[in-house]
C-alpha cells in the first residue's frame, strides 16, 4: 500500500502564500484537484506539484 501525502486548504494556502479563499476558488474552478473528505477538502501532494509546475509554465 502506498502512503500518499495530503494537505488541507490551509496548508496549501500557507505554502503558496495566498489566502484560503484563493485555494478554494482554484479547487472550484478545477485548477487544483482536491478530494472531499466529509466537509473538508484534501489535496494530494502530487496534484499540488502538478499545479505548481503548470502554473509556472503559463506565466
N, C-alpha and C. Protein backbone atom coordinates (compact mmCIF):
# COMPACT_ATOMS: atom_id res chain seq x y z
N UNK A 1 0.84 -1.18 0.00
CA UNK A 1 0.00 0.00 0.00
C UNK A 1 0.88 1.25 0.00
N UNK A 2 0.56 2.18 -0.86
CA UNK A 2 1.33 3.42 -0.91
C UNK A 2 0.73 4.43 0.07
N UNK A 3 1.57 5.24 0.63
CA UNK A 3 1.10 6.27 1.54
C UNK A 3 1.27 7.62 0.87
N UNK A 4 0.17 8.16 0.40
CA UNK A 4 0.20 9.47 -0.23
C UNK A 4 0.09 10.55 0.83
N UNK A 5 0.70 11.68 0.56
CA UNK A 5 0.64 12.80 1.48
C UNK A 5 -0.45 13.75 1.01
N UNK A 6 -1.30 14.17 1.94
CA UNK A 6 -2.39 15.08 1.63
C UNK A 6 -2.25 16.36 2.45
N UNK A 7 -2.74 17.47 1.87
CA UNK A 7 -2.71 18.75 2.54
C UNK A 7 -4.14 19.30 2.64
N UNK A 8 -4.36 20.14 3.64
CA UNK A 8 -5.63 20.86 3.74
C UNK A 8 -5.52 22.14 2.91
N UNK A 9 -6.64 22.80 2.73
CA UNK A 9 -6.61 24.08 2.01
C UNK A 9 -5.73 25.08 2.76
N UNK A 10 -5.80 25.06 4.07
CA UNK A 10 -4.99 25.97 4.87
C UNK A 10 -3.49 25.72 4.66
N UNK A 11 -3.11 24.44 4.61
CA UNK A 11 -1.71 24.09 4.38
C UNK A 11 -1.23 24.62 3.03
N UNK A 12 -2.03 24.40 2.00
CA UNK A 12 -1.66 24.83 0.65
C UNK A 12 -1.57 26.35 0.59
N UNK A 13 -2.52 27.03 1.22
CA UNK A 13 -2.51 28.49 1.22
C UNK A 13 -1.23 29.02 1.87
N UNK A 14 -0.82 28.42 2.97
CA UNK A 14 0.41 28.86 3.63
C UNK A 14 1.64 28.59 2.76
N UNK A 15 1.68 27.42 2.13
CA UNK A 15 2.84 27.07 1.29
C UNK A 15 2.97 28.00 0.09
N UNK A 16 1.83 28.34 -0.53
CA UNK A 16 1.85 29.17 -1.72
C UNK A 16 1.73 30.66 -1.41
N UNK A 17 1.59 30.99 -0.13
CA UNK A 17 1.48 32.38 0.33
C UNK A 17 0.32 33.12 -0.34
N UNK A 18 -0.83 32.46 -0.30
CA UNK A 18 -2.08 33.05 -0.76
C UNK A 18 -3.11 32.85 0.34
N UNK A 19 -4.26 33.47 0.19
CA UNK A 19 -5.30 33.31 1.21
C UNK A 19 -6.12 32.04 0.93
N UNK A 20 -6.80 31.57 1.96
CA UNK A 20 -7.62 30.37 1.91
C UNK A 20 -8.59 30.40 0.73
N UNK A 21 -9.26 31.54 0.54
CA UNK A 21 -10.28 31.65 -0.49
C UNK A 21 -9.72 31.46 -1.89
N UNK A 22 -8.49 31.88 -2.11
CA UNK A 22 -7.86 31.70 -3.42
C UNK A 22 -7.72 30.21 -3.74
N UNK A 23 -7.23 29.44 -2.79
CA UNK A 23 -7.08 27.99 -3.00
C UNK A 23 -8.45 27.36 -3.21
N UNK A 24 -9.43 27.78 -2.42
CA UNK A 24 -10.79 27.25 -2.56
C UNK A 24 -11.33 27.54 -3.97
N UNK A 25 -11.09 28.71 -4.49
CA UNK A 25 -11.55 29.06 -5.85
C UNK A 25 -10.83 28.25 -6.91
N UNK A 26 -9.54 27.98 -6.70
CA UNK A 26 -8.80 27.13 -7.64
C UNK A 26 -9.41 25.73 -7.67
N UNK A 27 -9.82 25.23 -6.52
CA UNK A 27 -10.45 23.91 -6.44
C UNK A 27 -11.78 23.94 -7.18
N UNK A 28 -12.59 24.95 -6.92
CA UNK A 28 -13.91 25.05 -7.54
C UNK A 28 -13.82 25.19 -9.06
N UNK A 29 -12.78 25.85 -9.54
CA UNK A 29 -12.63 26.03 -10.99
C UNK A 29 -11.93 24.85 -11.66
N UNK A 30 -11.43 23.91 -10.86
CA UNK A 30 -10.78 22.74 -11.42
C UNK A 30 -9.29 22.90 -11.67
N UNK A 31 -8.71 23.99 -11.24
CA UNK A 31 -7.28 24.20 -11.44
C UNK A 31 -6.44 23.28 -10.55
N UNK A 32 -6.95 23.01 -9.35
CA UNK A 32 -6.30 22.07 -8.44
C UNK A 32 -7.26 20.92 -8.19
N UNK A 33 -6.77 19.69 -8.29
CA UNK A 33 -7.58 18.52 -7.99
C UNK A 33 -7.61 18.34 -6.48
N UNK A 34 -8.82 18.22 -5.93
CA UNK A 34 -8.96 18.03 -4.48
C UNK A 34 -9.99 16.94 -4.23
N UNK A 35 -9.84 16.29 -3.10
CA UNK A 35 -10.73 15.21 -2.70
C UNK A 35 -11.50 15.67 -1.47
N UNK A 36 -12.79 15.46 -1.48
CA UNK A 36 -13.60 15.91 -0.36
C UNK A 36 -13.73 14.77 0.65
N UNK A 37 -13.35 15.06 1.88
CA UNK A 37 -13.45 14.10 2.98
C UNK A 37 -14.43 14.70 3.98
N UNK A 38 -15.66 14.27 3.93
CA UNK A 38 -16.68 14.89 4.77
C UNK A 38 -16.95 16.29 4.25
N UNK A 39 -16.73 17.28 5.10
CA UNK A 39 -16.93 18.67 4.69
C UNK A 39 -15.62 19.37 4.37
N UNK A 40 -14.52 18.64 4.41
CA UNK A 40 -13.21 19.24 4.19
C UNK A 40 -12.60 18.72 2.89
N UNK A 41 -11.76 19.56 2.31
CA UNK A 41 -11.03 19.17 1.10
C UNK A 41 -9.63 18.74 1.47
N UNK A 42 -9.12 17.78 0.72
CA UNK A 42 -7.74 17.33 0.86
C UNK A 42 -7.10 17.37 -0.53
N UNK A 43 -5.87 17.85 -0.57
CA UNK A 43 -5.14 17.98 -1.83
C UNK A 43 -3.92 17.09 -1.77
N UNK A 44 -3.82 16.19 -2.73
CA UNK A 44 -2.69 15.27 -2.76
C UNK A 44 -1.42 16.01 -3.17
N UNK A 45 -0.31 15.67 -2.56
CA UNK A 45 0.98 16.32 -2.84
C UNK A 45 1.31 16.28 -4.32
N UNK A 46 1.09 15.14 -4.98
CA UNK A 46 1.38 15.01 -6.41
C UNK A 46 0.54 15.99 -7.24
N UNK A 47 -0.73 16.14 -6.87
CA UNK A 47 -1.61 17.06 -7.60
C UNK A 47 -1.18 18.51 -7.39
N UNK A 48 -0.75 18.83 -6.18
CA UNK A 48 -0.26 20.18 -5.92
C UNK A 48 1.01 20.46 -6.71
N UNK A 49 1.91 19.49 -6.77
CA UNK A 49 3.15 19.65 -7.55
C UNK A 49 2.83 19.89 -9.02
N UNK A 50 1.87 19.15 -9.57
CA UNK A 50 1.47 19.34 -10.97
C UNK A 50 0.91 20.74 -11.19
N UNK A 51 0.08 21.20 -10.25
CA UNK A 51 -0.49 22.54 -10.36
C UNK A 51 0.61 23.60 -10.39
N UNK A 52 1.58 23.50 -9.50
CA UNK A 52 2.66 24.48 -9.42
C UNK A 52 3.47 24.48 -10.70
N UNK A 53 3.79 23.32 -11.23
CA UNK A 53 4.56 23.23 -12.48
C UNK A 53 3.78 23.85 -13.63
N UNK A 54 2.50 23.51 -13.75
CA UNK A 54 1.68 24.07 -14.84
C UNK A 54 1.50 25.57 -14.68
N UNK A 55 1.37 26.05 -13.47
CA UNK A 55 1.20 27.49 -13.21
C UNK A 55 2.45 28.26 -13.63
N UNK A 56 3.62 27.69 -13.35
CA UNK A 56 4.89 28.33 -13.75
C UNK A 56 5.01 28.40 -15.26
N UNK A 57 4.58 27.36 -15.95
CA UNK A 57 4.70 27.33 -17.41
C UNK A 57 3.82 28.35 -18.08
N UNK A 58 2.66 28.62 -17.49
CA UNK A 58 1.71 29.57 -18.10
C UNK A 58 2.17 31.01 -17.94
N UNK A 59 2.97 31.28 -16.93
CA UNK A 59 3.39 32.67 -16.70
C UNK A 59 4.50 33.08 -17.60
